[in-house]
Amino acid sequence: MEVLDVIDENDRVIGQASRTDCHTDPTLIHRAVHFTLVDLANRLVMISRRARSKKHDGGLLCFLGEHVNAGEDYEAAVRRGAKEELEFTASTVHEAGEHVFAEPTSTERVKFYLIEADHAQPLTWDKDEIEEIEWVTPEQLGTFAVSAMTEFWREHIDWRELLDSPPAT
């Protein structure tokens, strides 16, 4: 059973609950991360197509995401997620945004991260999670139909500025 920290509106841990409980009770605010790989030298952003078999956003283009496990911090969850989803060891990560997503059945405090990578480096992704990946320019990123959460990051991040000068870690 996946256990998550339950937090208050100031991101302080106030308890723990199962992932199932967190996704059936919107009062149990919990942490998550969304992330993508970026090739700063070539100004490219990675986008993935979620496996069609997935319950949420199956078949849609999206950035990757992970829940932050109980006792884990946001950055550790990003690094774990990159390893689990892409078999990629993240050396340089940049926090690029934060938002609380309130849905009818759950509330997640999400931090968004960019992970530096070279788009020519081979990636091996989990076929149960991801059907395909593609590297695109910031301009191309704006032309795709994407999941709702990816839409938020696409619209609220200044991609050109971040790719030219990523935030300090």
N, C-alpha and C. Protein backbone atom coordinates (compact mmCIF):
# COMPACT_ATOMS: atom_id res chain seq x y z
N MET A 1 0.84 -1.18 0.00
CA MET A 1 0.00 0.00 0.00
C MET A 1 0.89 1.24 0.00
N GLU A 2 0.60 2.15 -0.91
CA GLU A 2 1.34 3.40 -1.02
C GLU A 2 0.83 4.37 0.04
N VAL A 3 1.74 4.87 0.90
CA VAL A 3 1.38 5.80 1.96
C VAL A 3 1.95 7.18 1.62
N LEU A 4 1.10 8.21 1.75
CA LEU A 4 1.48 9.58 1.42
C LEU A 4 1.34 10.45 2.66
N ASP A 5 2.16 11.49 2.73
CA ASP A 5 2.00 12.47 3.78
C ASP A 5 0.78 13.33 3.46
N VAL A 6 -0.04 13.60 4.45
CA VAL A 6 -1.14 14.54 4.34
C VAL A 6 -0.61 15.87 4.88
N ILE A 7 -0.87 16.95 4.15
CA ILE A 7 -0.31 18.25 4.51
C ILE A 7 -1.42 19.28 4.71
N ASP A 8 -1.05 20.39 5.37
CA ASP A 8 -1.99 21.50 5.50
C ASP A 8 -1.75 22.48 4.36
N GLU A 9 -2.47 23.58 4.37
CA GLU A 9 -2.37 24.56 3.28
C GLU A 9 -0.99 25.24 3.22
N ASN A 10 -0.18 25.09 4.26
CA ASN A 10 1.18 25.65 4.27
C ASN A 10 2.25 24.60 3.98
N ASP A 11 1.83 23.44 3.50
CA ASP A 11 2.73 22.34 3.12
C ASP A 11 3.43 21.70 4.32
N ARG A 12 2.80 21.77 5.48
CA ARG A 12 3.33 21.10 6.68
C ARG A 12 2.63 19.75 6.84
N VAL A 13 3.42 18.72 7.14
CA VAL A 13 2.86 17.38 7.33
C VAL A 13 2.01 17.36 8.59
N ILE A 14 0.77 16.87 8.42
CA ILE A 14 -0.14 16.78 9.57
C ILE A 14 -0.64 15.35 9.80
N GLY A 15 -0.19 14.42 8.93
CA GLY A 15 -0.61 13.03 9.08
C GLY A 15 -0.21 12.21 7.87
N GLN A 16 -0.74 11.03 7.79
CA GLN A 16 -0.47 10.15 6.66
C GLN A 16 -1.76 9.43 6.28
N ALA A 17 -1.85 9.05 5.01
CA ALA A 17 -3.01 8.31 4.52
C ALA A 17 -2.59 7.49 3.32
N SER A 18 -3.38 6.51 2.98
CA SER A 18 -3.10 5.71 1.80
C SER A 18 -3.39 6.55 0.55
N ARG A 19 -2.77 6.15 -0.54
CA ARG A 19 -3.02 6.83 -1.82
C ARG A 19 -4.52 6.74 -2.16
N THR A 20 -5.11 5.59 -1.91
CA THR A 20 -6.54 5.40 -2.19
C THR A 20 -7.37 6.39 -1.39
N ASP A 21 -7.08 6.53 -0.10
CA ASP A 21 -7.82 7.48 0.73
C ASP A 21 -7.62 8.91 0.22
N CYS A 22 -6.37 9.25 -0.16
CA CYS A 22 -6.08 10.60 -0.65
C CYS A 22 -6.82 10.90 -1.96
N HIS A 23 -7.11 9.86 -2.73
CA HIS A 23 -7.79 10.07 -4.01
C HIS A 23 -9.30 9.86 -3.94
N THR A 24 -9.81 9.74 -2.71
CA THR A 24 -11.26 9.67 -2.54
C THR A 24 -11.76 10.71 -1.54
N ASP A 25 -10.84 11.52 -1.00
CA ASP A 25 -11.20 12.54 -0.02
C ASP A 25 -10.42 13.81 -0.33
N PRO A 26 -11.06 14.82 -0.91
CA PRO A 26 -10.32 16.04 -1.28
C PRO A 26 -9.81 16.86 -0.10
N THR A 27 -10.20 16.51 1.12
CA THR A 27 -9.67 17.22 2.28
C THR A 27 -8.28 16.71 2.67
N LEU A 28 -7.87 15.56 2.11
CA LEU A 28 -6.55 14.99 2.39
C LEU A 28 -5.56 15.53 1.35
N ILE A 29 -5.06 16.73 1.59
CA ILE A 29 -4.11 17.35 0.66
C ILE A 29 -2.81 16.57 0.74
N HIS A 30 -2.29 16.21 -0.43
CA HIS A 30 -1.04 15.45 -0.46
C HIS A 30 -0.13 16.02 -1.54
N ARG A 31 1.13 15.59 -1.51
CA ARG A 31 2.15 16.13 -2.40
C ARG A 31 2.34 15.25 -3.64
N ALA A 32 2.70 15.93 -4.74
CA ALA A 32 3.05 15.25 -5.98
C ALA A 32 4.05 16.11 -6.73
N VAL A 33 4.70 15.51 -7.70
CA VAL A 33 5.60 16.24 -8.58
C VAL A 33 5.22 15.95 -10.02
N HIS A 34 5.41 16.92 -10.87
CA HIS A 34 5.34 16.75 -12.31
C HIS A 34 6.71 17.16 -12.83
N PHE A 35 7.14 16.53 -13.91
CA PHE A 35 8.47 16.85 -14.41
C PHE A 35 8.59 16.49 -15.87
N THR A 36 9.60 17.08 -16.47
CA THR A 36 9.97 16.73 -17.83
C THR A 36 11.46 16.92 -17.99
N LEU A 37 11.99 16.28 -19.01
CA LEU A 37 13.40 16.47 -19.35
C LEU A 37 13.50 17.62 -20.33
N VAL A 38 14.59 18.38 -20.22
CA VAL A 38 14.85 19.48 -21.15
C VAL A 38 16.29 19.38 -21.64
N ASP A 39 16.47 19.64 -22.90
CA ASP A 39 17.80 19.71 -23.52
C ASP A 39 18.09 21.19 -23.70
N LEU A 40 18.84 21.76 -22.76
CA LEU A 40 19.09 23.20 -22.79
C LEU A 40 19.94 23.61 -23.99
N ALA A 41 20.90 22.79 -24.38
CA ALA A 41 21.77 23.13 -25.50
C ALA A 41 21.00 23.26 -26.80
N ASN A 42 19.97 22.44 -26.97
CA ASN A 42 19.19 22.45 -28.20
C ASN A 42 17.80 23.05 -28.03
N ARG A 43 17.50 23.54 -26.81
CA ARG A 43 16.22 24.17 -26.49
C ARG A 43 15.03 23.26 -26.81
N LEU A 44 15.09 22.03 -26.29
CA LEU A 44 14.04 21.05 -26.54
C LEU A 44 13.42 20.59 -25.22
N VAL A 45 12.15 20.26 -25.29
CA VAL A 45 11.38 19.78 -24.15
C VAL A 45 10.85 18.39 -24.50
N MET A 46 10.91 17.47 -23.54
CA MET A 46 10.38 16.13 -23.76
C MET A 46 8.90 16.09 -23.38
N ILE A 47 8.11 15.47 -24.24
CA ILE A 47 6.69 15.24 -23.95
C ILE A 47 6.45 13.74 -24.14
N SER A 48 5.58 13.17 -23.34
CA SER A 48 5.32 11.73 -23.44
C SER A 48 3.84 11.49 -23.72
N ARG A 49 3.57 10.35 -24.35
CA ARG A 49 2.19 9.91 -24.53
C ARG A 49 1.93 8.84 -23.48
N ARG A 50 0.99 9.12 -22.61
CA ARG A 50 0.65 8.19 -21.54
C ARG A 50 0.02 6.94 -22.16
N ALA A 51 0.32 5.79 -21.60
CA ALA A 51 -0.22 4.53 -22.10
C ALA A 51 -1.75 4.59 -22.14
N ARG A 52 -2.31 4.10 -23.21
CA ARG A 52 -3.77 4.13 -23.38
C ARG A 52 -4.49 3.29 -22.33
N SER A 53 -3.79 2.35 -21.73
CA SER A 53 -4.38 1.48 -20.71
C SER A 53 -4.55 2.17 -19.36
N LYS A 54 -3.96 3.35 -19.18
CA LYS A 54 -4.02 4.05 -17.89
C LYS A 54 -5.40 4.64 -17.66
N LYS A 55 -5.85 4.58 -16.43
CA LYS A 55 -7.18 5.07 -16.06
C LYS A 55 -7.29 6.58 -16.27
N HIS A 56 -6.29 7.32 -15.82
CA HIS A 56 -6.31 8.78 -15.93
C HIS A 56 -5.43 9.23 -17.09
N ASP A 57 -5.99 9.99 -18.00
CA ASP A 57 -5.27 10.60 -19.12
C ASP A 57 -4.67 9.58 -20.09
N GLY A 58 -5.20 8.38 -20.15
CA GLY A 58 -4.69 7.36 -21.07
C GLY A 58 -4.70 7.85 -22.51
N GLY A 59 -3.56 7.70 -23.19
CA GLY A 59 -3.41 8.10 -24.58
C GLY A 59 -3.11 9.57 -24.81
N LEU A 60 -3.12 10.38 -23.75
CA LEU A 60 -2.87 11.82 -23.91
C LEU A 60 -1.39 12.15 -23.78
N LEU A 61 -1.00 13.25 -24.42
CA LEU A 61 0.36 13.77 -24.23
C LEU A 61 0.42 14.46 -22.88
N CYS A 62 1.50 14.22 -22.17
CA CYS A 62 1.60 14.81 -20.84
C CYS A 62 3.05 14.82 -20.36
N PHE A 63 3.26 15.60 -19.31
CA PHE A 63 4.52 15.51 -18.58
C PHE A 63 4.38 14.38 -17.58
N LEU A 64 5.49 13.93 -17.05
CA LEU A 64 5.47 12.81 -16.12
C LEU A 64 5.16 13.28 -14.71
N GLY A 65 4.73 12.36 -13.87
CA GLY A 65 4.39 12.72 -12.51
C GLY A 65 4.54 11.56 -11.55
N GLU A 66 4.70 11.92 -10.31
CA GLU A 66 4.82 10.95 -9.21
C GLU A 66 4.20 11.53 -7.96
N HIS A 67 3.65 10.67 -7.14
CA HIS A 67 3.28 11.09 -5.79
C HIS A 67 4.56 11.15 -4.96
N VAL A 68 4.57 12.05 -4.00
CA VAL A 68 5.67 12.12 -3.04
C VAL A 68 5.30 11.19 -1.90
N ASN A 69 6.08 10.14 -1.71
CA ASN A 69 5.80 9.16 -0.66
C ASN A 69 5.99 9.77 0.72
N ALA A 70 5.37 9.17 1.71
CA ALA A 70 5.51 9.62 3.09
C ALA A 70 6.99 9.66 3.46
N GLY A 71 7.42 10.78 4.04
CA GLY A 71 8.81 10.95 4.47
C GLY A 71 9.76 11.36 3.36
N GLU A 72 9.31 11.42 2.13
CA GLU A 72 10.14 11.77 0.97
C GLU A 72 9.97 13.26 0.69
N ASP A 73 11.01 13.91 0.15
CA ASP A 73 10.83 15.30 -0.26
C ASP A 73 10.55 15.37 -1.76
N TYR A 74 10.17 16.55 -2.22
CA TYR A 74 9.79 16.72 -3.62
C TYR A 74 10.91 16.32 -4.58
N GLU A 75 12.12 16.81 -4.33
CA GLU A 75 13.21 16.53 -5.25
C GLU A 75 13.55 15.05 -5.31
N ALA A 76 13.49 14.38 -4.17
CA ALA A 76 13.74 12.93 -4.16
C ALA A 76 12.68 12.21 -5.00
N ALA A 77 11.44 12.67 -4.95
CA ALA A 77 10.37 12.05 -5.74
C ALA A 77 10.62 12.26 -7.24
N VAL A 78 11.13 13.44 -7.62
CA VAL A 78 11.47 13.69 -9.03
C VAL A 78 12.56 12.73 -9.48
N ARG A 79 13.60 12.62 -8.70
CA ARG A 79 14.71 11.74 -9.07
C ARG A 79 14.25 10.27 -9.14
N ARG A 80 13.43 9.86 -8.19
CA ARG A 80 12.88 8.49 -8.20
C ARG A 80 12.02 8.29 -9.45
N GLY A 81 11.17 9.28 -9.75
CA GLY A 81 10.30 9.18 -10.90
C GLY A 81 11.06 9.07 -12.21
N ALA A 82 12.11 9.86 -12.38
CA ALA A 82 12.92 9.79 -13.60
C ALA A 82 13.55 8.42 -13.75
N LYS A 83 13.99 7.85 -12.65
CA LYS A 83 14.60 6.52 -12.69
C LYS A 83 13.55 5.45 -13.00
N GLU A 84 12.41 5.51 -12.33
CA GLU A 84 11.36 4.51 -12.53
C GLU A 84 10.73 4.61 -13.92
N GLU A 85 10.45 5.81 -14.37
CA GLU A 85 9.71 5.99 -15.63
C GLU A 85 10.60 5.90 -16.87
N LEU A 86 11.87 6.38 -16.75
CA LEU A 86 12.72 6.51 -17.93
C LEU A 86 14.07 5.81 -17.81
N GLU A 87 14.32 5.19 -16.65
CA GLU A 87 15.65 4.64 -16.36
C GLU A 87 16.72 5.70 -16.57
N PHE A 88 16.40 6.91 -16.12
CA PHE A 88 17.28 8.07 -16.28
C PHE A 88 17.70 8.56 -14.90
N THR A 89 19.01 8.71 -14.70
CA THR A 89 19.51 9.24 -13.45
C THR A 89 19.64 10.74 -13.58
N ALA A 90 18.81 11.46 -12.84
CA ALA A 90 18.79 12.91 -12.91
C ALA A 90 19.94 13.50 -12.10
N SER A 91 20.79 14.28 -12.75
CA SER A 91 21.87 14.93 -12.01
C SER A 91 21.52 16.38 -11.69
N THR A 92 20.89 17.10 -12.63
CA THR A 92 20.55 18.50 -12.40
C THR A 92 19.06 18.69 -12.60
N VAL A 93 18.39 19.13 -11.53
CA VAL A 93 16.95 19.39 -11.59
C VAL A 93 16.70 20.83 -11.17
N HIS A 94 15.66 21.42 -11.75
CA HIS A 94 15.29 22.80 -11.44
C HIS A 94 13.80 22.86 -11.12
N GLU A 95 13.46 23.40 -9.97
CA GLU A 95 12.05 23.63 -9.66
C GLU A 95 11.58 24.80 -10.51
N ALA A 96 10.46 24.61 -11.21
CA ALA A 96 10.00 25.63 -12.15
C ALA A 96 8.61 26.16 -11.85
N GLY A 97 7.93 25.60 -10.86
CA GLY A 97 6.60 26.08 -10.54
C GLY A 97 5.94 25.25 -9.46
N GLU A 98 4.84 25.78 -8.94
CA GLU A 98 4.10 25.09 -7.89
C GLU A 98 2.63 25.47 -8.03
N HIS A 99 1.75 24.50 -7.77
CA HIS A 99 0.31 24.77 -7.88
C HIS A 99 -0.45 23.72 -7.07
N VAL A 100 -1.59 24.10 -6.54
CA VAL A 100 -2.49 23.16 -5.88
C VAL A 100 -3.61 22.83 -6.86
N PHE A 101 -3.70 21.55 -7.21
CA PHE A 101 -4.75 21.07 -8.10
C PHE A 101 -5.86 20.48 -7.23
N ALA A 102 -7.03 21.12 -7.24
CA ALA A 102 -8.17 20.65 -6.46
C ALA A 102 -9.19 20.03 -7.41
N GLU A 103 -9.39 18.75 -7.26
CA GLU A 103 -10.34 17.99 -8.07
C GLU A 103 -11.49 17.58 -7.15
N PRO A 104 -12.57 17.09 -7.71
CA PRO A 104 -13.69 16.68 -6.85
C PRO A 104 -13.33 15.59 -5.84
N THR A 105 -12.38 14.71 -6.20
CA THR A 105 -12.07 13.60 -5.29
C THR A 105 -10.68 13.68 -4.66
N SER A 106 -9.85 14.67 -5.04
CA SER A 106 -8.52 14.76 -4.44
C SER A 106 -7.95 16.16 -4.58
N THR A 107 -7.00 16.46 -3.71
CA THR A 107 -6.29 17.75 -3.75
C THR A 107 -4.81 17.46 -3.64
N GLU A 108 -4.04 17.91 -4.66
CA GLU A 108 -2.60 17.70 -4.69
C GLU A 108 -1.85 19.02 -4.75
N ARG A 109 -0.85 19.15 -3.90
CA ARG A 109 0.10 20.27 -3.99
C ARG A 109 1.24 19.74 -4.87
N VAL A 110 1.41 20.34 -6.03
CA VAL A 110 2.34 19.83 -7.04
C VAL A 110 3.45 20.84 -7.29
N LYS A 111 4.67 20.34 -7.30
CA LYS A 111 5.81 21.13 -7.75
C LYS A 111 6.24 20.58 -9.10
N PHE A 112 6.57 21.49 -10.02
CA PHE A 112 6.97 21.13 -11.37
C PHE A 112 8.47 21.31 -11.51
N TYR A 113 9.14 20.31 -12.11
CA TYR A 113 10.60 20.32 -12.24
C TYR A 113 11.02 20.09 -13.68
N LEU A 114 12.13 20.73 -14.03
CA LEU A 114 12.84 20.47 -15.28
C LEU A 114 14.09 19.68 -14.93
N ILE A 115 14.35 18.63 -15.68
CA ILE A 115 15.54 17.81 -15.48
C ILE A 115 16.40 17.97 -16.72
N GLU A 116 17.64 18.40 -16.52
CA GLU A 116 18.55 18.58 -17.65
C GLU A 116 18.94 17.23 -18.24
N ALA A 117 18.90 17.17 -19.58
CA ALA A 117 19.24 15.94 -20.29
C ALA A 117 19.70 16.30 -21.69
N ASP A 118 20.28 15.34 -22.37
CA ASP A 118 20.67 15.46 -23.77
C ASP A 118 19.67 14.62 -24.56
N HIS A 119 18.95 15.24 -25.49
CA HIS A 119 17.90 14.51 -26.21
C HIS A 119 18.44 13.33 -27.02
N ALA A 120 19.75 13.32 -27.27
CA ALA A 120 20.35 12.21 -28.02
C ALA A 120 20.63 11.00 -27.12
N GLN A 121 20.58 11.21 -25.82
CA GLN A 121 20.83 10.11 -24.89
C GLN A 121 19.67 9.12 -24.95
N PRO A 122 19.95 7.85 -25.14
CA PRO A 122 18.85 6.87 -25.20
C PRO A 122 18.11 6.77 -23.86
N LEU A 123 16.80 6.65 -23.95
CA LEU A 123 15.97 6.46 -22.77
C LEU A 123 15.20 5.16 -22.93
N THR A 124 14.99 4.49 -21.82
CA THR A 124 14.20 3.27 -21.82
C THR A 124 13.04 3.52 -20.88
N TRP A 125 11.84 3.61 -21.43
CA TRP A 125 10.71 3.93 -20.59
C TRP A 125 9.85 2.71 -20.32
N ASP A 126 9.09 2.83 -19.28
CA ASP A 126 8.18 1.78 -18.83
C ASP A 126 6.98 1.78 -19.79
N LYS A 127 6.85 0.74 -20.60
CA LYS A 127 5.79 0.66 -21.61
C LYS A 127 4.39 0.57 -20.99
N ASP A 128 4.31 0.18 -19.71
CA ASP A 128 3.02 0.17 -19.03
C ASP A 128 2.57 1.58 -18.67
N GLU A 129 3.50 2.52 -18.65
CA GLU A 129 3.21 3.91 -18.29
C GLU A 129 3.23 4.84 -19.49
N ILE A 130 4.18 4.62 -20.41
CA ILE A 130 4.43 5.55 -21.51
C ILE A 130 4.45 4.81 -22.84
N GLU A 131 3.69 5.29 -23.81
CA GLU A 131 3.71 4.69 -25.14
C GLU A 131 4.88 5.21 -25.97
N GLU A 132 5.12 6.51 -25.89
CA GLU A 132 6.19 7.11 -26.68
C GLU A 132 6.62 8.43 -26.07
N ILE A 133 7.80 8.88 -26.45
CA ILE A 133 8.26 10.20 -26.05
C ILE A 133 8.69 10.95 -27.30
N GLU A 134 8.65 12.27 -27.20
CA GLU A 134 9.07 13.11 -28.31
C GLU A 134 9.73 14.35 -27.74
N TRP A 135 10.75 14.83 -28.43
CA TRP A 135 11.43 16.07 -28.06
C TRP A 135 10.91 17.16 -28.98
N VAL A 136 10.45 18.27 -28.40
CA VAL A 136 9.85 19.34 -29.18
C VAL A 136 10.39 20.70 -28.74
N THR A 137 10.22 21.69 -29.60
CA THR A 137 10.59 23.06 -29.24
C THR A 137 9.49 23.65 -28.37
N PRO A 138 9.77 24.74 -27.66
CA PRO A 138 8.70 25.40 -26.89
C PRO A 138 7.52 25.81 -27.77
N GLU A 139 7.81 26.22 -28.99
CA GLU A 139 6.74 26.61 -29.91
C GLU A 139 5.86 25.41 -30.28
N GLN A 140 6.48 24.28 -30.54
CA GLN A 140 5.71 23.06 -30.87
C GLN A 140 4.89 22.59 -29.68
N LEU A 141 5.43 22.75 -28.49
CA LEU A 141 4.73 22.32 -27.27
C LEU A 141 3.34 22.93 -27.20
N GLY A 142 3.22 24.15 -27.67
CA GLY A 142 1.94 24.84 -27.62
C GLY A 142 0.92 24.37 -28.64
N THR A 143 1.28 23.46 -29.53
CA THR A 143 0.36 23.03 -30.59
C THR A 143 -0.33 21.70 -30.30
N PHE A 144 0.05 21.02 -29.25
CA PHE A 144 -0.49 19.69 -28.97
C PHE A 144 -1.69 19.74 -28.03
N ALA A 145 -2.61 18.81 -28.22
CA ALA A 145 -3.68 18.57 -27.25
C ALA A 145 -3.05 17.75 -26.12
N VAL A 146 -3.16 18.22 -24.89
CA VAL A 146 -2.48 17.60 -23.76
C VAL A 146 -3.45 17.40 -22.60
N SER A 147 -2.99 16.67 -21.59
CA SER A 147 -3.78 16.47 -20.37
C SER A 147 -4.00 17.81 -19.67
N ALA A 148 -5.00 17.88 -18.80
CA ALA A 148 -5.34 19.13 -18.12
C ALA A 148 -4.18 19.66 -17.27
N MET A 149 -3.50 18.77 -16.54
CA MET A 149 -2.39 19.24 -15.70
C MET A 149 -1.22 19.70 -16.56
N THR A 150 -0.95 19.00 -17.64
CA THR A 150 0.12 19.43 -18.55
C THR A 150 -0.26 20.76 -19.18
N GLU A 151 -1.52 20.95 -19.48
CA GLU A 151 -1.99 22.23 -20.03
C GLU A 151 -1.67 23.37 -19.06
N PHE A 152 -1.89 23.12 -17.76
CA PHE A 152 -1.58 24.15 -16.76
C PHE A 152 -0.11 24.56 -16.85
N TRP A 153 0.80 23.57 -16.82
CA TRP A 153 2.23 23.89 -16.85
C TRP A 153 2.63 24.52 -18.18
N ARG A 154 2.04 24.05 -19.26
CA ARG A 154 2.36 24.61 -20.57
C ARG A 154 1.98 26.09 -20.62
N GLU A 155 0.85 26.43 -20.02
CA GLU A 155 0.36 27.80 -20.08
C GLU A 155 0.96 28.72 -19.01
N HIS A 156 1.45 28.17 -17.92
CA HIS A 156 1.93 29.01 -16.81
C HIS A 156 3.44 29.03 -16.64
N ILE A 157 4.15 28.44 -17.55
CA ILE A 157 5.61 28.43 -17.51
C ILE A 157 6.12 29.21 -18.72
N ASP A 158 7.10 30.07 -18.50
CA ASP A 158 7.73 30.78 -19.61
C ASP A 158 8.84 29.88 -20.14
N TRP A 159 8.48 29.02 -21.08
CA TRP A 159 9.41 27.99 -21.57
C TRP A 159 10.65 28.59 -22.21
N ARG A 160 10.49 29.64 -22.98
CA ARG A 160 11.66 30.24 -23.66
C ARG A 160 12.66 30.76 -22.62
N GLU A 161 12.14 31.44 -21.61
CA GLU A 161 13.03 31.97 -20.58
C GLU A 161 13.71 30.85 -19.80
N LEU A 162 12.96 29.81 -19.45
CA LEU A 162 13.55 28.71 -18.69
C LEU A 162 14.61 27.96 -19.48
N LEU A 163 14.37 27.77 -20.76
CA LEU A 163 15.36 27.05 -21.57
C LEU A 163 16.60 27.90 -21.83
N ASP A 164 16.44 29.23 -21.79
CA ASP A 164 17.60 30.10 -21.96
C ASP A 164 18.38 30.27 -20.66
N SER A 165 17.67 30.28 -19.55
CA SER A 165 18.34 30.46 -18.25
C SER A 165 17.52 29.77 -17.17
N PRO A 166 17.73 28.47 -16.96
CA PRO A 166 16.95 27.74 -15.97
C PRO A 166 17.17 28.30 -14.57
N PRO A 167 16.15 28.17 -13.71
CA PRO A 167 16.29 28.67 -12.33
C PRO A 167 17.39 27.91 -11.59
N ALA A 168 17.97 28.57 -10.62
CA ALA A 168 19.01 27.94 -9.80
C ALA A 168 18.42 26.79 -9.01
N THR A 169 19.23 25.77 -8.75
CA THR A 169 18.75 24.62 -7.95
C THR A 169 18.90 24.92 -6.49
